[in-house]
């Protein structure tokens, strides 16, 4: 391990764009696949999962992702998945994470909304005590399921309102899923005090980002890398302070960008756009948050000081309260000073 990799591994961090089911490790996925053998195409052999998680395009990624979603069939599965994600985040020295949950996917498979929320909240409390990780939730509309999914997601968010819920999102494929149709749902969520963090500009163009800003009141954009194609949009993001949750390896693995060498992260940073570095669906993309920081360091030519600045930006752009932000930044500062 290089000196920079060692520094990144020990660096206290915040993770702002990571999906619940998409964070299931090969061990957990294989265990669930074995439990549901005969009713799933997901292999029960961890070694075969690497091949299974090789995507031809974004549509194929969604297909595979939903096959893993189908493995989560009862509240015990949800609790185990959530707690184990926290364990793995803690091992990477993540102190705070905003985990994107898609309640709709579990509820339509027969898990009651109350049971879903109780499972993730109990796991959140246990994880904080056992792994020094503060988990919070973004409730996410699966865009491909349309307005019924949006209605249900908003209903669960407003009626259940688990303690960890901080934001409201929109994921899934962008093509064929117009952002304006969800404007009333995001307006209601924001009126209830939730933050707006839709995906946009990952597999489509800048217009999807504009729509997320105009119609959904986006405060951060999930991915948003297509903004690099529109100088006026980059200027708008810079001037308004709306940040992008960038996940470099994910963008390559879903074929949203041809290669890491061609990733637009440097263009966005050069234009003054605020970016945070995140992992998205790490086991599916054979990555970790630590690896994403190393990738970003390579693309941006950063040393230890620059990497620490990335960590500070993630804290600043998070929905952690002011006291929590100050404490985590102080921990980053102390770590950076101690490592010289």
Protein backbone atom coordinates (compact mmCIF):
# COMPACT_ATOMS: atom_id res chain seq x y z
CA UNK A 1 0.00 0.00 0.00
CA UNK A 2 1.34 3.43 -0.94
CA UNK A 3 1.74 6.24 1.54
CA UNK A 4 -1.27 8.08 0.06
CA UNK A 5 -3.41 4.93 0.20
CA UNK A 6 -2.48 4.45 3.84
CA UNK A 7 -3.42 8.06 4.55
CA UNK A 8 -6.79 7.63 2.83
CA UNK A 9 -7.51 4.40 4.72
CA UNK A 10 -7.14 6.11 8.08
CA UNK A 11 -8.82 9.38 7.11
CA UNK A 12 -12.18 10.04 8.85
CA UNK A 13 -14.77 10.48 6.12
CA UNK A 14 -18.39 11.20 5.24
CA UNK A 15 -20.16 9.22 2.49
CA UNK A 16 -23.03 11.06 0.80
CA UNK A 17 -24.02 8.84 -2.12
CA UNK A 18 -24.24 5.15 -1.35
CA UNK A 19 -27.17 2.83 -1.95
CA UNK A 20 -28.61 0.41 0.58
CA UNK A 21 -29.03 -2.76 -1.49
CA UNK A 22 -26.17 -1.72 -3.75
CA UNK A 23 -23.83 -1.90 -0.75
CA UNK A 24 -24.52 -5.57 -0.06
CA UNK A 25 -21.14 -7.31 0.04
CA UNK A 26 -20.54 -10.48 -2.01
CA UNK A 27 -20.69 -12.47 1.22
CA UNK A 28 -24.14 -11.13 2.11
CA UNK A 29 -25.48 -11.35 -1.45
CA UNK A 30 -24.30 -14.96 -1.76
CA UNK A 31 -25.83 -15.82 1.61
CA UNK A 32 -29.19 -14.34 0.60
CA UNK A 33 -29.03 -15.99 -2.83
CA UNK A 34 -28.45 -19.37 -1.16
CA UNK A 35 -31.38 -18.70 1.19
CA UNK A 36 -33.61 -18.04 -1.80
CA UNK A 37 -32.09 -20.63 -4.15
CA UNK A 38 -34.36 -21.67 -7.00
CA UNK A 39 -36.18 -18.35 -7.10
CA UNK A 40 -33.35 -16.00 -8.10
CA UNK A 41 -30.81 -15.71 -10.93
CA UNK A 42 -28.21 -14.30 -8.52
CA UNK A 43 -25.35 -16.78 -8.00
CA UNK A 44 -24.78 -18.09 -4.48
CA UNK A 45 -21.02 -18.28 -5.06
CA UNK A 46 -19.17 -15.05 -4.11
CA UNK A 47 -16.55 -15.73 -6.80
CA UNK A 48 -19.22 -15.82 -9.53
CA UNK A 49 -20.67 -12.49 -8.44
CA UNK A 50 -17.83 -10.53 -10.05
CA UNK A 51 -18.88 -11.84 -13.45
CA UNK A 52 -22.56 -11.34 -12.63
CA UNK A 53 -21.78 -7.72 -11.70
CA UNK A 54 -20.27 -6.93 -15.11
CA UNK A 55 -22.62 -4.53 -16.85
CA UNK A 56 -23.10 -3.97 -20.57
CA UNK A 57 -24.84 -0.61 -20.10
CA UNK A 58 -26.89 1.35 -17.57
CA UNK A 59 -30.07 -0.57 -18.38
CA UNK A 60 -28.32 -3.87 -17.68
CA UNK A 61 -27.01 -2.49 -14.40
CA UNK A 62 -30.59 -1.64 -13.33
CA UNK A 63 -31.72 -5.17 -14.27
CA UNK A 64 -28.98 -6.78 -12.16
CA UNK A 65 -29.54 -4.31 -9.32
CA UNK A 66 -33.23 -5.21 -9.15
CA UNK A 67 -32.38 -8.91 -9.01
CA UNK A 68 -30.40 -8.21 -5.84
CA UNK A 69 -33.24 -6.06 -4.48
CA UNK A 70 -35.45 -9.14 -4.85
CA UNK A 71 -33.24 -10.99 -2.35
CA UNK A 72 -34.35 -8.65 0.46
CA UNK A 73 -37.62 -10.27 1.43
CA UNK A 74 -38.27 -9.73 5.15
CA UNK A 75 -37.39 -7.27 7.97
CA UNK A 76 -34.60 -9.54 9.20
CA UNK A 77 -32.93 -9.32 5.78
CA UNK A 78 -33.26 -5.52 5.92
CA UNK A 79 -31.76 -5.31 9.42
CA UNK A 80 -28.84 -7.58 8.55
CA UNK A 81 -28.08 -5.70 5.35
CA UNK A 82 -28.18 -2.31 7.07
CA UNK A 83 -26.05 -3.35 10.03
CA UNK A 84 -23.47 -5.10 7.85
CA UNK A 85 -23.18 -2.04 5.60
CA UNK A 86 -22.42 0.01 8.70
CA UNK A 87 -19.76 -2.49 9.75
CA UNK A 88 -18.03 -2.14 6.37
CA UNK A 89 -18.31 1.64 6.38
CA UNK A 90 -16.78 1.73 9.85
CA UNK A 91 -13.86 -0.37 8.63
CA UNK A 92 -13.14 2.40 6.10
CA UNK A 93 -13.24 5.05 8.83
CA UNK A 94 -16.51 6.49 7.56
CA UNK A 95 -18.00 8.39 10.48
CA UNK A 96 -21.19 9.64 8.81
CA UNK A 97 -23.14 8.24 5.87
CA UNK A 98 -26.31 9.23 4.06
CA UNK A 99 -27.60 5.88 2.86
CA UNK A 100 -30.09 5.89 -0.02
CA UNK A 101 -33.02 3.59 0.79
CA UNK A 102 -35.80 2.64 -1.62
CA UNK A 103 -38.74 1.66 0.63
CA UNK A 104 -41.01 1.09 -2.37
CA UNK A 105 -38.97 -1.91 -3.53
CA UNK A 106 -39.41 -3.67 -0.19
CA UNK A 107 -43.01 -2.65 0.43
CA UNK A 108 -44.26 -3.95 -2.95
CA UNK A 109 -42.56 -7.25 -2.07
CA UNK A 110 -44.72 -7.55 1.03
CA UNK A 111 -42.78 -5.85 3.82
CA UNK A 112 -44.93 -3.36 5.75
CA UNK A 113 -43.71 0.24 5.81
CA UNK A 114 -43.64 0.23 9.62
CA UNK A 115 -41.56 -2.94 9.73
CA UNK A 116 -39.14 -1.58 7.12
CA UNK A 117 -38.56 1.62 9.09
CA UNK A 118 -38.27 -0.19 12.40
CA UNK A 119 -35.62 -2.53 10.96
CA UNK A 120 -33.40 0.22 9.55
CA UNK A 121 -33.77 2.40 12.64
CA UNK A 122 -32.81 -0.42 14.99
CA UNK A 123 -29.81 -1.26 12.82
CA UNK A 124 -28.85 2.43 12.76
CA UNK A 125 -28.83 2.64 16.56
CA UNK A 126 -26.83 -0.57 16.93
CA UNK A 127 -24.34 0.52 14.27
CA UNK A 128 -23.68 3.81 16.03
CA UNK A 129 -22.86 1.99 19.24
CA UNK A 130 -20.87 -0.85 17.71
CA UNK A 131 -19.06 0.72 14.75
CA UNK A 132 -18.89 4.48 15.43
CA UNK A 133 -20.89 5.20 12.25
CA UNK A 134 -23.80 7.63 12.15
CA UNK A 135 -26.22 6.48 9.46
CA UNK A 136 -28.93 8.72 8.04
CA UNK A 137 -31.45 8.03 5.27
CA UNK A 138 -32.41 9.39 1.89
CA UNK A 139 -35.77 7.91 0.83
CA UNK A 140 -35.48 7.39 -2.89
CA UNK A 141 -38.16 7.15 -5.62
CA UNK A 142 -37.33 4.39 -8.14
CA UNK A 143 -38.07 6.48 -11.22
CA UNK A 144 -38.80 3.53 -13.49
CA UNK A 145 -41.83 2.65 -11.30
CA UNK A 146 -43.42 6.03 -11.99
CA UNK A 147 -45.91 8.09 -10.03
CA UNK A 148 -47.30 5.20 -7.92
CA UNK A 149 -43.80 4.67 -6.51
CA UNK A 150 -43.43 8.40 -5.91
CA UNK A 151 -46.78 8.54 -4.09
CA UNK A 152 -45.86 5.61 -1.86
CA UNK A 153 -42.34 6.86 -1.12
CA UNK A 154 -43.63 10.27 -0.09
CA UNK A 155 -46.39 8.71 2.02
CA UNK A 156 -43.89 6.53 3.90
CA UNK A 157 -41.51 9.45 4.37
CA UNK A 158 -44.16 11.75 5.80
CA UNK A 159 -46.18 9.26 7.85
CA UNK A 160 -43.37 7.09 9.23
CA UNK A 161 -40.71 9.83 9.39
CA UNK A 162 -37.96 7.68 10.95
CA UNK A 163 -35.46 9.60 13.09
CA UNK A 164 -32.64 9.05 10.59
CA UNK A 165 -34.49 10.44 7.57
CA UNK A 166 -32.86 13.62 6.23
CA UNK A 167 -33.55 13.74 2.50
CA UNK A 168 -35.70 12.76 -0.47
CA UNK A 169 -34.27 11.41 -3.71
CA UNK A 170 -34.93 10.03 -7.18
CA UNK A 171 -32.95 7.18 -8.72
CA UNK A 172 -33.20 4.52 -11.39
CA UNK A 173 -32.87 5.08 -15.14
CA UNK A 174 -33.01 8.65 -16.41
CA UNK A 175 -34.03 7.90 -19.99
CA UNK A 176 -37.81 7.91 -20.34
CA UNK A 177 -38.32 9.18 -16.77
CA UNK A 178 -39.05 12.92 -16.95
CA UNK A 179 -38.04 14.79 -13.80
CA UNK A 180 -40.90 17.37 -13.87
CA UNK A 181 -43.56 14.75 -13.10
CA UNK A 182 -42.14 14.40 -9.59
CA UNK A 183 -42.21 18.12 -8.78
CA UNK A 184 -45.23 17.89 -6.41
CA UNK A 185 -43.60 15.07 -4.43
CA UNK A 186 -40.36 16.97 -3.93
CA UNK A 187 -42.25 20.15 -3.02
CA UNK A 188 -44.14 18.24 -0.33
CA UNK A 189 -40.97 16.60 0.98
CA UNK A 190 -39.16 19.93 1.17
CA UNK A 191 -42.14 21.54 2.90
CA UNK A 192 -41.83 18.81 5.52
CA UNK A 193 -38.18 19.69 6.10
CA UNK A 194 -36.47 17.07 3.95
CA UNK A 195 -33.60 17.95 1.62
CA UNK A 196 -33.80 17.37 -2.15
CA UNK A 197 -31.08 15.11 -3.61
CA UNK A 198 -32.23 13.61 -6.93
CA UNK A 199 -30.01 11.70 -9.34
CA UNK A 200 -29.52 13.53 -12.64
CA UNK A 201 -27.02 13.86 -15.46
CA UNK A 202 -25.49 10.44 -15.00
CA UNK A 203 -26.56 8.54 -18.13
CA UNK A 204 -28.26 11.48 -19.88
CA UNK A 205 -27.27 15.04 -20.70
CA UNK A 206 -27.18 18.39 -18.91
CA UNK A 207 -30.89 18.95 -19.45
CA UNK A 208 -31.67 16.36 -16.76
CA UNK A 209 -29.61 18.35 -14.27
CA UNK A 210 -31.40 21.54 -15.24
CA UNK A 211 -34.73 19.77 -14.70
CA UNK A 212 -33.63 18.54 -11.26
CA UNK A 213 -32.73 22.10 -10.30
CA UNK A 214 -35.80 23.75 -11.84
CA UNK A 215 -38.55 21.29 -10.95
CA UNK A 216 -37.22 19.34 -7.95
CA UNK A 217 -35.42 22.11 -6.08
CA UNK A 218 -32.25 20.01 -5.92
CA UNK A 219 -29.83 21.00 -3.16
CA UNK A 220 -27.28 18.41 -4.27
CA UNK A 221 -27.21 16.37 -7.47
CA UNK A 222 -26.56 12.63 -7.49
CA UNK A 223 -23.79 12.15 -10.09
CA UNK A 224 -24.44 15.18 -12.35
CA UNK A 225 -21.32 14.53 -14.45
CA UNK A 226 -23.12 15.59 -17.65
CA UNK A 227 -22.87 19.16 -16.34
CA UNK A 228 -19.34 19.15 -17.73
CA UNK A 229 -20.88 19.40 -21.22
CA UNK A 230 -22.62 22.70 -20.44
CA UNK A 231 -20.47 25.69 -19.40
CA UNK A 232 -23.54 27.69 -18.40
CA UNK A 233 -24.70 24.87 -16.11
CA UNK A 234 -21.28 24.58 -14.49
CA UNK A 235 -21.31 28.33 -13.91
CA UNK A 236 -24.78 28.05 -12.35
CA UNK A 237 -23.70 25.21 -10.06
CA UNK A 238 -20.61 27.16 -9.02
CA UNK A 239 -22.55 30.33 -8.29
CA UNK A 240 -25.42 28.68 -6.42
CA UNK A 241 -23.24 26.21 -4.50
CA UNK A 242 -25.22 23.15 -5.56
CA UNK A 243 -22.74 20.31 -5.32
CA UNK A 244 -22.37 17.10 -7.29
CA UNK A 245 -22.07 13.66 -5.65
CA UNK A 246 -19.46 12.16 -7.97
CA UNK A 247 -18.81 8.40 -8.09
CA UNK A 248 -16.00 7.86 -10.65
CA UNK A 249 -15.77 4.06 -10.81
CA UNK A 250 -19.55 3.72 -10.92
CA UNK A 251 -19.69 6.02 -13.94
CA UNK A 252 -17.22 3.82 -15.80
CA UNK A 253 -18.82 0.53 -14.78
CA UNK A 254 -22.29 1.66 -15.93
CA UNK A 255 -20.76 2.98 -19.17
CA UNK A 256 -21.87 6.51 -18.33
CA UNK A 257 -18.31 7.61 -19.14
CA UNK A 258 -15.92 5.64 -21.35
CA UNK A 259 -12.98 5.38 -18.94
CA UNK A 260 -11.47 6.89 -15.82
CA UNK A 261 -8.98 8.74 -18.02
CA UNK A 262 -11.93 10.47 -19.72
CA UNK A 263 -13.90 11.14 -16.55
CA UNK A 264 -15.09 14.77 -16.36
CA UNK A 265 -14.19 15.25 -12.68
CA UNK A 266 -11.16 17.47 -13.48
CA UNK A 267 -13.27 19.66 -15.80
CA UNK A 268 -15.90 20.12 -13.13
CA UNK A 269 -13.35 21.04 -10.45
CA UNK A 270 -11.52 23.40 -12.81
CA UNK A 271 -14.86 25.15 -13.46
CA UNK A 272 -15.31 25.73 -9.73
CA UNK A 273 -18.14 23.22 -9.23
CA UNK A 274 -18.25 21.78 -5.71
CA UNK A 275 -17.87 18.00 -5.79
CA UNK A 276 -17.87 15.25 -3.21
CA UNK A 277 -16.40 11.78 -3.76
CA UNK A 278 -18.61 8.77 -3.14
CA UNK A 279 -18.89 5.05 -3.89
CA UNK A 280 -22.53 4.55 -5.10
CA UNK A 281 -22.87 0.72 -5.14
CA UNK A 282 -19.36 -0.32 -4.07
CA UNK A 283 -19.45 -4.15 -4.13
CA UNK A 284 -21.29 -4.16 -7.45
CA UNK A 285 -18.58 -1.95 -8.93
CA UNK A 286 -15.67 -3.72 -7.21
CA UNK A 287 -14.69 -0.56 -5.36
CA UNK A 288 -14.70 1.10 -1.93
CA UNK A 289 -14.93 4.69 -0.75
CA UNK A 290 -11.20 4.55 0.01
CA UNK A 291 -10.54 3.48 -3.56
CA UNK A 292 -12.72 6.30 -4.91
CA UNK A 293 -10.65 8.81 -2.95
CA UNK A 294 -7.50 7.31 -4.48
CA UNK A 295 -9.04 7.50 -7.96
CA UNK A 296 -10.02 11.13 -7.39
CA UNK A 297 -6.53 11.92 -6.11
CA UNK A 298 -5.09 10.49 -9.31
CA UNK A 299 -7.48 12.38 -11.58
CA UNK A 300 -6.97 15.68 -9.74
CA UNK A 301 -3.27 15.34 -8.87
CA UNK A 302 -3.88 15.59 -5.12
CA UNK A 303 -1.49 14.97 -2.25
CA UNK A 304 -2.50 14.16 1.33
CA UNK A 305 -3.53 17.76 1.99
CA UNK A 306 -5.76 17.80 -1.10
CA UNK A 307 -7.37 14.50 -0.16
CA UNK A 308 -8.08 15.82 3.34
CA UNK A 309 -9.76 18.83 1.71
CA UNK A 310 -12.03 16.44 -0.23
CA UNK A 311 -13.04 14.85 3.07
CA UNK A 312 -13.78 18.27 4.58
CA UNK A 313 -15.95 19.23 1.59
CA UNK A 314 -18.02 16.07 2.03
CA UNK A 315 -18.66 17.00 5.66
CA UNK A 316 -19.57 20.56 4.71
CA UNK A 317 -21.98 19.38 1.99
CA UNK A 318 -23.61 16.78 4.23
CA UNK A 319 -26.87 17.19 6.14
CA UNK A 320 -25.14 16.58 9.44
CA UNK A 321 -25.96 19.18 12.08
CA UNK A 322 -23.50 22.00 12.76
CA UNK A 323 -22.09 20.43 15.92
CA UNK A 324 -21.57 17.14 14.13
CA UNK A 325 -19.86 18.87 11.21
CA UNK A 326 -17.51 20.75 13.51
CA UNK A 327 -16.61 17.57 15.40
CA UNK A 328 -15.91 15.57 12.23
CA UNK A 329 -13.86 18.34 10.62
CA UNK A 330 -11.86 18.60 13.84
CA UNK A 331 -11.22 14.86 13.67
CA UNK A 332 -10.04 15.20 10.06
CA UNK A 333 -7.77 18.10 11.05
CA UNK A 334 -6.29 16.18 13.98
CA UNK A 335 -5.67 13.10 11.85
CA UNK A 336 -4.03 15.16 9.09
CA UNK A 337 -1.79 16.96 11.58
CA UNK A 338 -0.81 13.70 13.28
CA UNK A 339 0.16 12.05 9.99
CA UNK A 340 2.27 14.98 8.95
